[in-house]
PDB file of N, CA and C in Angstrom:
ATOM      1  N   UNK A   1      -8.032  -3.218 -27.554  1.00  0.00           N
ATOM      2  CA  UNK A   1      -7.104  -4.338 -27.480  1.00  0.00           C
ATOM      3  C   UNK A   1      -5.766  -3.923 -28.097  1.00  0.00           C
ATOM      4  N   UNK A   2      -4.650  -4.200 -27.409  1.00  0.00           N
ATOM      5  CA  UNK A   2      -3.344  -3.845 -27.963  1.00  0.00           C
ATOM      6  C   UNK A   2      -3.068  -4.560 -29.278  1.00  0.00           C
ATOM      7  N   UNK A   3      -2.340  -3.876 -30.178  1.00  0.00           N
ATOM      8  CA  UNK A   3      -1.997  -4.485 -31.466  1.00  0.00           C
ATOM      9  C   UNK A   3      -0.997  -5.618 -31.288  1.00  0.00           C
ATOM     10  N   UNK A   4      -0.080  -5.490 -30.335  1.00  0.00           N
ATOM     11  CA  UNK A   4       0.915  -6.522 -30.075  1.00  0.00           C
ATOM     12  C   UNK A   4       0.346  -7.498 -29.042  1.00  0.00           C
ATOM     13  N   UNK A   5       0.057  -8.737 -29.423  1.00  0.00           N
ATOM     14  CA  UNK A   5      -0.576  -9.672 -28.486  1.00  0.00           C
ATOM     15  C   UNK A   5       0.314 -10.042 -27.301  1.00  0.00           C
ATOM     16  N   UNK A   6       1.615  -9.707 -27.349  1.00  0.00           N
ATOM     17  CA  UNK A   6       2.506 -10.026 -26.235  1.00  0.00           C
ATOM     18  C   UNK A   6       2.446  -8.973 -25.131  1.00  0.00           C
ATOM     19  N   UNK A   7       1.751  -7.878 -25.372  1.00  0.00           N
ATOM     20  CA  UNK A   7       1.628  -6.810 -24.388  1.00  0.00           C
ATOM     21  C   UNK A   7       0.505  -7.163 -23.419  1.00  0.00           C
ATOM     22  N   UNK A   8       0.816  -7.093 -22.136  1.00  0.00           N
ATOM     23  CA  UNK A   8      -0.193  -7.351 -21.113  1.00  0.00           C
ATOM     24  C   UNK A   8      -0.591  -6.012 -20.511  1.00  0.00           C
ATOM     25  N   UNK A   9      -1.881  -5.748 -20.460  1.00  0.00           N
ATOM     26  CA  UNK A   9      -2.398  -4.514 -19.892  1.00  0.00           C
ATOM     27  C   UNK A   9      -3.182  -4.878 -18.640  1.00  0.00           C
ATOM     28  N   UNK A  10      -2.917  -4.168 -17.549  1.00  0.00           N
ATOM     29  CA  UNK A  10      -3.606  -4.460 -16.294  1.00  0.00           C
ATOM     30  C   UNK A  10      -3.787  -3.183 -15.498  1.00  0.00           C
ATOM     31  N   UNK A  11      -4.844  -3.109 -14.729  1.00  0.00           N
ATOM     32  CA  UNK A  11      -5.014  -2.016 -13.776  1.00  0.00           C
ATOM     33  C   UNK A  11      -5.257  -2.581 -12.376  1.00  0.00           C
ATOM     34  N   UNK A  12      -4.841  -3.823 -12.156  1.00  0.00           N
ATOM     35  CA  UNK A  12      -4.982  -4.501 -10.866  1.00  0.00           C
ATOM     36  C   UNK A  12      -3.631  -4.434 -10.151  1.00  0.00           C
ATOM     37  N   UNK A  13      -3.541  -3.618  -9.090  1.00  0.00           N
ATOM     38  CA  UNK A  13      -2.257  -3.312  -8.470  1.00  0.00           C
ATOM     39  C   UNK A  13      -1.440  -4.542  -8.080  1.00  0.00           C
ATOM     40  N   UNK A  14      -1.990  -5.528  -7.377  1.00  0.00           N
ATOM     41  CA  UNK A  14      -1.171  -6.699  -7.031  1.00  0.00           C
ATOM     42  C   UNK A  14      -0.589  -7.403  -8.263  1.00  0.00           C
ATOM     43  N   UNK A  15      -1.355  -7.444  -9.335  1.00  0.00           N
ATOM     44  CA  UNK A  15      -0.862  -8.061 -10.566  1.00  0.00           C
ATOM     45  C   UNK A  15       0.281  -7.234 -11.165  1.00  0.00           C
ATOM     46  N   UNK A  16       0.183  -5.920 -11.097  1.00  0.00           N
ATOM     47  CA  UNK A  16       1.249  -5.055 -11.605  1.00  0.00           C
ATOM     48  C   UNK A  16       2.544  -5.260 -10.821  1.00  0.00           C
ATOM     49  N   UNK A  17       2.434  -5.400  -9.499  1.00  0.00           N
ATOM     50  CA  UNK A  17       3.627  -5.650  -8.681  1.00  0.00           C
ATOM     51  C   UNK A  17       4.248  -6.985  -9.077  1.00  0.00           C
ATOM     52  N   UNK A  18       3.418  -8.007  -9.266  1.00  0.00           N
ATOM     53  CA  UNK A  18       3.941  -9.318  -9.672  1.00  0.00           C
ATOM     54  C   UNK A  18       4.631  -9.236 -11.030  1.00  0.00           C
ATOM     55  N   UNK A  19       4.070  -8.469 -11.937  1.00  0.00           N
ATOM     56  CA  UNK A  19       4.690  -8.312 -13.251  1.00  0.00           C
ATOM     57  C   UNK A  19       6.067  -7.659 -13.114  1.00  0.00           C
ATOM     58  N   UNK A  20       6.177  -6.640 -12.259  1.00  0.00           N
ATOM     59  CA  UNK A  20       7.474  -5.990 -12.038  1.00  0.00           C
ATOM     60  C   UNK A  20       8.458  -6.968 -11.405  1.00  0.00           C
ATOM     61  N   UNK A  21       7.992  -7.784 -10.474  1.00  0.00           N
ATOM     62  CA  UNK A  21       8.861  -8.779  -9.834  1.00  0.00           C
ATOM     63  C   UNK A  21       9.404  -9.784 -10.847  1.00  0.00           C
ATOM     64  N   UNK A  22       8.632 -10.023 -11.910  1.00  0.00           N
ATOM     65  CA  UNK A  22       9.045 -10.972 -12.946  1.00  0.00           C
ATOM     66  C   UNK A  22       9.750 -10.278 -14.112  1.00  0.00           C
ATOM     67  N   UNK A  23      10.156  -9.018 -13.892  1.00  0.00           N
ATOM     68  CA  UNK A  23      10.940  -8.313 -14.901  1.00  0.00           C
ATOM     69  C   UNK A  23      10.159  -7.841 -16.105  1.00  0.00           C
ATOM     70  N   UNK A  24       8.849  -7.664 -15.950  1.00  0.00           N
ATOM     71  CA  UNK A  24       8.028  -7.270 -17.089  1.00  0.00           C
ATOM     72  C   UNK A  24       7.774  -5.768 -17.145  1.00  0.00           C
ATOM     73  N   UNK A  25       8.598  -4.985 -16.446  1.00  0.00           N
ATOM     74  CA  UNK A  25       8.461  -3.539 -16.523  1.00  0.00           C
ATOM     75  C   UNK A  25       8.414  -2.885 -15.160  1.00  0.00           C
ATOM     76  N   UNK A  26       8.419  -1.558 -15.153  1.00  0.00           N
ATOM     77  CA  UNK A  26       8.389  -0.817 -13.892  1.00  0.00           C
ATOM     78  C   UNK A  26       6.977  -0.719 -13.326  1.00  0.00           C
ATOM     79  N   UNK A  27       6.906  -0.373 -12.057  1.00  0.00           N
ATOM     80  CA  UNK A  27       5.616  -0.168 -11.410  1.00  0.00           C
ATOM     81  C   UNK A  27       5.755   1.002 -10.441  1.00  0.00           C
ATOM     82  N   UNK A  28       4.737   1.831 -10.373  1.00  0.00           N
ATOM     83  CA  UNK A  28       4.688   2.864  -9.344  1.00  0.00           C
ATOM     84  C   UNK A  28       4.140   2.176  -8.103  1.00  0.00           C
ATOM     85  N   UNK A  29       4.936   2.136  -7.049  1.00  0.00           N
ATOM     86  CA  UNK A  29       4.557   1.324  -5.895  1.00  0.00           C
ATOM     87  C   UNK A  29       4.200   2.110  -4.664  1.00  0.00           C
ATOM     88  N   UNK A  30       3.257   1.589  -3.910  1.00  0.00           N
ATOM     89  CA  UNK A  30       2.918   2.135  -2.607  1.00  0.00           C
ATOM     90  C   UNK A  30       3.931   1.597  -1.615  1.00  0.00           C
ATOM     91  N   UNK A  31       4.522   2.467  -0.821  1.00  0.00           N
ATOM     92  CA  UNK A  31       5.590   2.067   0.102  1.00  0.00           C
ATOM     93  C   UNK A  31       5.195   0.872   0.967  1.00  0.00           C
ATOM     94  N   UNK A  32       4.004   0.902   1.529  1.00  0.00           N
ATOM     95  CA  UNK A  32       3.584  -0.185   2.408  1.00  0.00           C
ATOM     96  C   UNK A  32       3.503  -1.515   1.669  1.00  0.00           C
ATOM     97  N   UNK A  33       3.333  -1.466   0.372  1.00  0.00           N
ATOM     98  CA  UNK A  33       3.182  -2.691  -0.410  1.00  0.00           C
ATOM     99  C   UNK A  33       4.509  -3.201  -0.969  1.00  0.00           C
ATOM    100  N   UNK A  34       5.486  -2.329  -1.173  1.00  0.00           N
ATOM    101  CA  UNK A  34       6.713  -2.774  -1.847  1.00  0.00           C
ATOM    102  C   UNK A  34       7.983  -2.654  -1.023  1.00  0.00           C
ATOM    103  N   UNK A  35       7.911  -2.049   0.177  1.00  0.00           N
ATOM    104  CA  UNK A  35       9.127  -1.889   0.987  1.00  0.00           C
ATOM    105  C   UNK A  35       9.845  -3.214   1.216  1.00  0.00           C
ATOM    106  N   UNK A  36       9.103  -4.273   1.485  1.00  0.00           N
ATOM    107  CA  UNK A  36       9.723  -5.585   1.694  1.00  0.00           C
ATOM    108  C   UNK A  36      10.497  -6.046   0.474  1.00  0.00           C
ATOM    109  N   UNK A  37       9.942  -5.835  -0.697  1.00  0.00           N
ATOM    110  CA  UNK A  37      10.622  -6.219  -1.941  1.00  0.00           C
ATOM    111  C   UNK A  37      11.884  -5.383  -2.161  1.00  0.00           C
ATOM    112  N   UNK A  38      11.815  -4.098  -1.783  1.00  0.00           N
ATOM    113  CA  UNK A  38      12.994  -3.237  -1.908  1.00  0.00           C
ATOM    114  C   UNK A  38      14.090  -3.699  -0.949  1.00  0.00           C
ATOM    115  N   UNK A  39      13.693  -4.033   0.287  1.00  0.00           N
ATOM    116  CA  UNK A  39      14.667  -4.499   1.281  1.00  0.00           C
ATOM    117  C   UNK A  39      15.315  -5.813   0.858  1.00  0.00           C
ATOM    118  N   UNK A  40      14.543  -6.703   0.228  1.00  0.00           N
ATOM    119  CA  UNK A  40      15.065  -8.002  -0.230  1.00  0.00           C
ATOM    120  C   UNK A  40      15.904  -7.874  -1.499  1.00  0.00           C
ATOM    121  N   UNK A  41      15.758  -6.757  -2.198  1.00  0.00           N
ATOM    122  CA  UNK A  41      16.449  -6.589  -3.467  1.00  0.00           C
ATOM    123  C   UNK A  41      15.666  -7.158  -4.639  1.00  0.00           C
ATOM    124  N   UNK A  42      14.420  -7.594  -4.396  1.00  0.00           N
ATOM    125  CA  UNK A  42      13.580  -8.121  -5.480  1.00  0.00           C
ATOM    126  C   UNK A  42      13.161  -7.015  -6.441  1.00  0.00           C
ATOM    127  N   UNK A  43      12.997  -5.809  -5.909  1.00  0.00           N
ATOM    128  CA  UNK A  43      12.712  -4.620  -6.714  1.00  0.00           C
ATOM    129  C   UNK A  43      13.761  -3.571  -6.374  1.00  0.00           C
ATOM    130  N   UNK A  44      14.036  -2.691  -7.323  1.00  0.00           N
ATOM    131  CA  UNK A  44      14.949  -1.582  -7.068  1.00  0.00           C
ATOM    132  C   UNK A  44      14.241  -0.281  -7.414  1.00  0.00           C
ATOM    133  N   UNK A  45      14.654   0.778  -6.760  1.00  0.00           N
ATOM    134  CA  UNK A  45      14.074   2.091  -7.050  1.00  0.00           C
ATOM    135  C   UNK A  45      14.647   2.604  -8.365  1.00  0.00           C
ATOM    136  N   UNK A  46      13.796   3.125  -9.212  1.00  0.00           N
ATOM    137  CA  UNK A  46      14.248   3.713 -10.473  1.00  0.00           C
ATOM    138  C   UNK A  46      14.722   5.147 -10.245  1.00  0.00           C
ATOM    139  N   UNK A  47      14.230   5.773  -9.182  1.00  0.00           N
ATOM    140  CA  UNK A  47      14.567   7.156  -8.858  1.00  0.00           C
ATOM    141  C   UNK A  47      14.384   7.367  -7.362  1.00  0.00           C
ATOM    142  N   UNK A  48      14.972   8.411  -6.838  1.00  0.00           N
ATOM    143  CA  UNK A  48      14.788   8.737  -5.420  1.00  0.00           C
ATOM    144  C   UNK A  48      13.510   9.557  -5.200  1.00  0.00           C
ATOM    145  N   UNK A  49      12.912  10.027  -6.262  1.00  0.00           N
ATOM    146  CA  UNK A  49      11.715  10.864  -6.168  1.00  0.00           C
ATOM    147  C   UNK A  49      10.548  10.070  -5.592  1.00  0.00           C
ATOM    148  N   UNK A  50       9.704  10.756  -4.829  1.00  0.00           N
ATOM    149  CA  UNK A  50       8.483  10.151  -4.297  1.00  0.00           C
ATOM    150  C   UNK A  50       7.330  11.121  -4.512  1.00  0.00           C
ATOM    151  N   UNK A  51       6.136  10.623  -4.388  1.00  0.00           N
ATOM    152  CA  UNK A  51       4.947  11.461  -4.508  1.00  0.00           C
ATOM    153  C   UNK A  51       4.018  11.153  -3.341  1.00  0.00           C
ATOM    154  N   UNK A  52       3.459  12.184  -2.762  1.00  0.00           N
ATOM    155  CA  UNK A  52       2.475  12.020  -1.692  1.00  0.00           C
ATOM    156  C   UNK A  52       1.216  12.768  -2.116  1.00  0.00           C
ATOM    157  N   UNK A  53       0.108  12.136  -1.935  1.00  0.00           N
ATOM    158  CA  UNK A  53      -1.137  12.716  -2.410  1.00  0.00           C
ATOM    159  C   UNK A  53      -2.067  13.148  -1.284  1.00  0.00           C
ATOM    160  N   UNK A  54      -1.547  13.192  -0.051  1.00  0.00           N
ATOM    161  CA  UNK A  54      -2.414  13.576   1.059  1.00  0.00           C
ATOM    162  C   UNK A  54      -3.422  12.476   1.315  1.00  0.00           C
ATOM    163  N   UNK A  55      -4.614  12.858   1.553  1.00  0.00           N
ATOM    164  CA  UNK A  55      -5.655  11.866   1.789  1.00  0.00           C
ATOM    165  C   UNK A  55      -5.421  11.107   3.077  1.00  0.00           C
ATOM    166  N   UNK A  56      -6.207  10.116   3.309  1.00  0.00           N
ATOM    167  CA  UNK A  56      -6.053   9.323   4.515  1.00  0.00           C
ATOM    168  C   UNK A  56      -7.263   8.455   4.760  1.00  0.00           C
ATOM    169  N   UNK A  57      -7.220   7.808   5.883  1.00  0.00           N
ATOM    170  CA  UNK A  57      -8.312   6.947   6.318  1.00  0.00           C
ATOM    171  C   UNK A  57      -8.807   7.464   7.654  1.00  0.00           C
ATOM    172  N   UNK A  58     -10.063   7.272   7.931  1.00  0.00           N
ATOM    173  CA  UNK A  58     -10.668   7.815   9.138  1.00  0.00           C
ATOM    174  C   UNK A  58     -11.448   6.731   9.868  1.00  0.00           C
ATOM    175  N   UNK A  59     -11.426   6.818  11.200  1.00  0.00           N
ATOM    176  CA  UNK A  59     -12.263   5.955  12.027  1.00  0.00           C
ATOM    177  C   UNK A  59     -13.459   6.805  12.429  1.00  0.00           C
ATOM    178  N   UNK A  60     -14.640   6.366  12.062  1.00  0.00           N
ATOM    179  CA  UNK A  60     -15.851   7.120  12.349  1.00  0.00           C
ATOM    180  C   UNK A  60     -16.722   6.287  13.278  1.00  0.00           C
ATOM    181  N   UNK A  61     -17.178   6.913  14.355  1.00  0.00           N
ATOM    182  CA  UNK A  61     -18.046   6.218  15.314  1.00  0.00           C
ATOM    183  C   UNK A  61     -19.320   7.030  15.503  1.00  0.00           C
ATOM    184  N   UNK A  62     -20.394   6.369  15.924  1.00  0.00           N
ATOM    185  CA  UNK A  62     -21.658   7.092  16.110  1.00  0.00           C
ATOM    186  C   UNK A  62     -21.536   8.175  17.192  1.00  0.00           C
ATOM    187  N   UNK A  63     -22.017   9.354  16.903  1.00  0.00           N
ATOM    188  CA  UNK A  63     -21.970  10.465  17.854  1.00  0.00           C
ATOM    189  C   UNK A  63     -23.019  10.237  18.946  1.00  0.00           C
ATOM    190  N   UNK A  64     -22.614  10.445  20.184  1.00  0.00           N
ATOM    191  CA  UNK A  64     -23.559  10.325  21.291  1.00  0.00           C
ATOM    192  C   UNK A  64     -23.877   8.896  21.690  1.00  0.00           C
ATOM    193  N   UNK A  65     -23.099   7.945  21.194  1.00  0.00           N
ATOM    194  CA  UNK A  65     -23.345   6.537  21.531  1.00  0.00           C
ATOM    195  C   UNK A  65     -22.007   5.860  21.796  1.00  0.00           C
ATOM    196  N   UNK A  66     -21.918   5.108  22.874  1.00  0.00           N
ATOM    197  CA  UNK A  66     -20.647   4.452  23.175  1.00  0.00           C
ATOM    198  C   UNK A  66     -20.497   3.195  22.315  1.00  0.00           C
ATOM    199  N   UNK A  67     -19.250   2.828  22.083  1.00  0.00           N
ATOM    200  CA  UNK A  67     -18.967   1.626  21.293  1.00  0.00           C
ATOM    201  C   UNK A  67     -18.971   0.407  22.207  1.00  0.00           C
ATOM    202  N   UNK A  68     -19.359  -0.730  21.653  1.00  0.00           N
ATOM    203  CA  UNK A  68     -19.288  -1.961  22.437  1.00  0.00           C
ATOM    204  C   UNK A  68     -17.835  -2.406  22.556  1.00  0.00           C
ATOM    205  N   UNK A  69     -17.585  -3.417  23.372  1.00  0.00           N
ATOM    206  CA  UNK A  69     -16.215  -3.857  23.657  1.00  0.00           C
ATOM    207  C   UNK A  69     -15.473  -4.284  22.385  1.00  0.00           C
ATOM    208  N   UNK A  70     -16.141  -5.039  21.529  1.00  0.00           N
ATOM    209  CA  UNK A  70     -15.494  -5.516  20.298  1.00  0.00           C
ATOM    210  C   UNK A  70     -15.093  -4.342  19.400  1.00  0.00           C
ATOM    211  N   UNK A  71     -15.970  -3.360  19.268  1.00  0.00           N
ATOM    212  CA  UNK A  71     -15.667  -2.194  18.435  1.00  0.00           C
ATOM    213  C   UNK A  71     -14.513  -1.390  19.030  1.00  0.00           C
ATOM    214  N   UNK A  72     -14.494  -1.255  20.352  1.00  0.00           N
ATOM    215  CA  UNK A  72     -13.410  -0.531  21.019  1.00  0.00           C
ATOM    216  C   UNK A  72     -12.077  -1.238  20.802  1.00  0.00           C
ATOM    217  N   UNK A  73     -12.074  -2.561  20.951  1.00  0.00           N
ATOM    218  CA  UNK A  73     -10.843  -3.329  20.744  1.00  0.00           C
ATOM    219  C   UNK A  73     -10.363  -3.210  19.301  1.00  0.00           C
ATOM    220  N   UNK A  74     -11.301  -3.275  18.357  1.00  0.00           N
ATOM    221  CA  UNK A  74     -10.937  -3.154  16.946  1.00  0.00           C
ATOM    222  C   UNK A  74     -10.345  -1.777  16.662  1.00  0.00           C
ATOM    223  N   UNK A  75     -10.967  -0.736  17.205  1.00  0.00           N
ATOM    224  CA  UNK A  75     -10.462   0.626  16.994  1.00  0.00           C
ATOM    225  C   UNK A  75      -9.040   0.753  17.542  1.00  0.00           C
ATOM    226  N   UNK A  76      -8.791   0.240  18.745  1.00  0.00           N
ATOM    227  CA  UNK A  76      -7.442   0.295  19.328  1.00  0.00           C
ATOM    228  C   UNK A  76      -6.439  -0.444  18.446  1.00  0.00           C
ATOM    229  N   UNK A  77      -6.832  -1.629  17.980  1.00  0.00           N
ATOM    230  CA  UNK A  77      -5.928  -2.409  17.122  1.00  0.00           C
ATOM    231  C   UNK A  77      -5.636  -1.649  15.827  1.00  0.00           C
ATOM    232  N   UNK A  78      -6.681  -1.107  15.209  1.00  0.00           N
ATOM    233  CA  UNK A  78      -6.517  -0.391  13.947  1.00  0.00           C
ATOM    234  C   UNK A  78      -5.572   0.798  14.113  1.00  0.00           C
ATOM    235  N   UNK A  79      -5.752   1.563  15.171  1.00  0.00           N
ATOM    236  CA  UNK A  79      -4.880   2.712  15.405  1.00  0.00           C
ATOM    237  C   UNK A  79      -3.449   2.271  15.704  1.00  0.00           C
ATOM    238  N   UNK A  80      -3.268   1.132  16.354  1.00  0.00           N
ATOM    239  CA  UNK A  80      -1.907   0.640  16.615  1.00  0.00           C
ATOM    240  C   UNK A  80      -1.216   0.248  15.310  1.00  0.00           C
ATOM    241  N   UNK A  81      -1.977  -0.231  14.336  1.00  0.00           N
ATOM    242  CA  UNK A  81      -1.396  -0.576  13.039  1.00  0.00           C
ATOM    243  C   UNK A  81      -0.879   0.670  12.341  1.00  0.00           C
ATOM    244  N   UNK A  82      -1.597   1.763  12.478  1.00  0.00           N
ATOM    245  CA  UNK A  82      -1.167   3.025  11.893  1.00  0.00           C
ATOM    246  C   UNK A  82       0.168   3.452  12.492  1.00  0.00           C
ATOM    247  N   UNK A  83       0.326   3.307  13.805  1.00  0.00           N
ATOM    248  CA  UNK A  83       1.589   3.663  14.455  1.00  0.00           C
ATOM    249  C   UNK A  83       2.723   2.774  13.959  1.00  0.00           C
ATOM    250  N   UNK A  84       2.453   1.489  13.764  1.00  0.00           N
ATOM    251  CA  UNK A  84       3.482   0.571  13.268  1.00  0.00           C
ATOM    252  C   UNK A  84       3.924   0.961  11.862  1.00  0.00           C
ATOM    253  N   UNK A  85       2.980   1.361  11.027  1.00  0.00           N
ATOM    254  CA  UNK A  85       3.314   1.777   9.661  1.00  0.00           C
ATOM    255  C   UNK A  85       4.158   3.048   9.716  1.00  0.00           C
ATOM    256  N   UNK A  86       3.767   4.004  10.582  1.00  0.00           N
ATOM    257  CA  UNK A  86       4.543   5.238  10.720  1.00  0.00           C
ATOM    258  C   UNK A  86       5.982   4.934  11.115  1.00  0.00           C
ATOM    259  N   UNK A  87       6.174   4.001  12.062  1.00  0.00           N
ATOM    260  CA  UNK A  87       7.529   3.630  12.486  1.00  0.00           C
ATOM    261  C   UNK A  87       8.303   3.019  11.321  1.00  0.00           C
ATOM    262  N   UNK A  88       7.635   2.192  10.537  1.00  0.00           N
ATOM    263  CA  UNK A  88       8.290   1.482   9.438  1.00  0.00           C
ATOM    264  C   UNK A  88       8.751   2.418   8.329  1.00  0.00           C
ATOM    265  N   UNK A  89       7.946   3.435   8.037  1.00  0.00           N
ATOM    266  CA  UNK A  89       8.302   4.337   6.936  1.00  0.00           C
ATOM    267  C   UNK A  89       9.000   5.597   7.432  1.00  0.00           C
ATOM    268  N   UNK A  90       9.165   5.717   8.738  1.00  0.00           N
ATOM    269  CA  UNK A  90       9.871   6.875   9.281  1.00  0.00           C
ATOM    270  C   UNK A  90       9.064   8.148   9.273  1.00  0.00           C
ATOM    271  N   UNK A  91       7.755   8.025   9.383  1.00  0.00           N
ATOM    272  CA  UNK A  91       6.896   9.224   9.369  1.00  0.00           C
ATOM    273  C   UNK A  91       6.831   9.864  10.742  1.00  0.00           C
TER     274      UNK A  91
END
């Protein structure tokens, strides 16, 4: 427990963003989560530096088995969201 009772400690990302929006300190932000706030001027960049950690998300389907219509539609939608994010961040 912090010695100063006015100090708020959190490891919940949405709460950290809200704290930064309310002027309670800086936050390391994920572009997809904070770009809107940067565009509105609600948050400002402290530096031009960025960090990329690689990684990613994968769509995995059963080998040797076709997907049903709902799964196919979901996969198409999910992949289209990835393209929209790429356009938004200039990737």
